[in-house]
Amino acid sequence: MSDEIGWLVERSSNGTAVWLKNTNQNTLTWTIESADALRFVRKVDAEVFISMLNIGNSVATEHIWSDI
């Protein structure tokens, strides 16, 4: 059993958490599935990404996915 830890770009959409996702067409969209989200190894990387793309009302949040 192993865990994967990553930082996601998160915001609220109508009271529901959504995370930034890269599509097959290399565009960004929002998803309600954290497992599908764009993952960063370090919090600072997610925060720089948010800043560079000027993604307002977003924060870097840590997530853990367990292989159970």
Protein backbone atom coordinates (compact mmCIF):
# COMPACT_ATOMS: atom_id res chain seq x y z
CA MET A 1 0.00 0.00 0.00
CA SER A 2 1.38 3.43 -0.91
CA ASP A 3 0.17 6.99 -0.68
CA GLU A 4 0.66 9.75 -3.21
CA ILE A 5 0.87 13.32 -1.98
CA GLY A 6 0.49 16.38 -4.16
CA TRP A 7 -0.53 20.01 -4.24
CA LEU A 8 -3.56 21.05 -6.29
CA VAL A 9 -4.95 24.38 -7.45
CA GLU A 10 -8.34 24.67 -5.75
CA ARG A 11 -11.21 27.13 -5.75
CA SER A 12 -14.87 27.10 -4.80
CA SER A 13 -17.59 26.91 -7.43
CA ASN A 14 -21.06 27.46 -5.99
CA GLY A 15 -19.88 26.14 -2.62
CA THR A 16 -18.21 23.04 -4.09
CA ALA A 17 -14.45 22.54 -4.23
CA VAL A 18 -13.09 22.21 -7.76
CA TRP A 19 -9.52 21.63 -8.93
CA LEU A 20 -7.60 22.70 -12.00
CA LYS A 21 -7.19 20.03 -14.65
CA ASN A 22 -5.21 19.81 -17.90
CA THR A 23 -7.27 18.39 -20.76
CA ASN A 24 -6.09 16.24 -23.68
CA GLN A 25 -6.10 19.40 -25.79
CA ASN A 26 -3.60 21.07 -23.40
CA THR A 27 -6.17 23.51 -22.08
CA LEU A 28 -7.08 24.10 -18.47
CA THR A 29 -10.51 23.43 -17.00
CA TRP A 30 -12.00 22.74 -13.57
CA THR A 31 -12.99 19.31 -12.25
CA ILE A 32 -14.82 18.02 -9.18
CA GLU A 33 -12.55 14.93 -9.17
CA SER A 34 -9.33 15.61 -7.26
CA ALA A 35 -7.78 12.46 -8.76
CA ASP A 36 -8.01 14.09 -12.23
CA ALA A 37 -6.43 17.38 -11.16
CA LEU A 38 -3.09 18.81 -12.17
CA ARG A 39 -0.61 17.87 -9.41
CA PHE A 40 2.43 19.68 -8.11
CA VAL A 41 5.14 18.17 -5.91
CA ARG A 42 5.68 21.35 -3.89
CA LYS A 43 3.26 23.94 -2.56
CA VAL A 44 5.46 26.75 -3.88
CA ASP A 45 5.17 25.35 -7.43
CA ALA A 46 1.37 25.40 -7.26
CA GLU A 47 1.43 28.94 -5.86
CA VAL A 48 3.78 30.17 -8.60
CA PHE A 49 1.51 28.55 -11.22
CA ILE A 50 -1.52 30.33 -9.72
CA SER A 51 0.36 33.62 -9.77
CA MET A 52 1.79 33.24 -13.29
CA LEU A 53 -1.61 32.44 -14.78
CA ASN A 54 -3.37 35.02 -12.58
CA ILE A 55 -5.93 32.46 -11.42
CA GLY A 56 -7.99 34.52 -8.99
CA ASN A 57 -9.73 33.09 -5.92
CA SER A 58 -7.55 29.98 -6.02
CA VAL A 59 -5.28 28.42 -3.41
CA ALA A 60 -2.78 25.58 -3.29
CA THR A 61 -4.15 22.67 -1.25
CA GLU A 62 -2.40 19.47 -0.21
CA HIS A 63 -4.03 16.14 -1.06
CA ILE A 64 -3.24 12.53 -0.27
CA TRP A 65 -4.42 9.64 -2.44
CA SER A 66 -4.27 6.24 -0.78
CA ASP A 67 -3.80 3.05 -2.73
CA ILE A 68 -6.25 0.94 -0.72
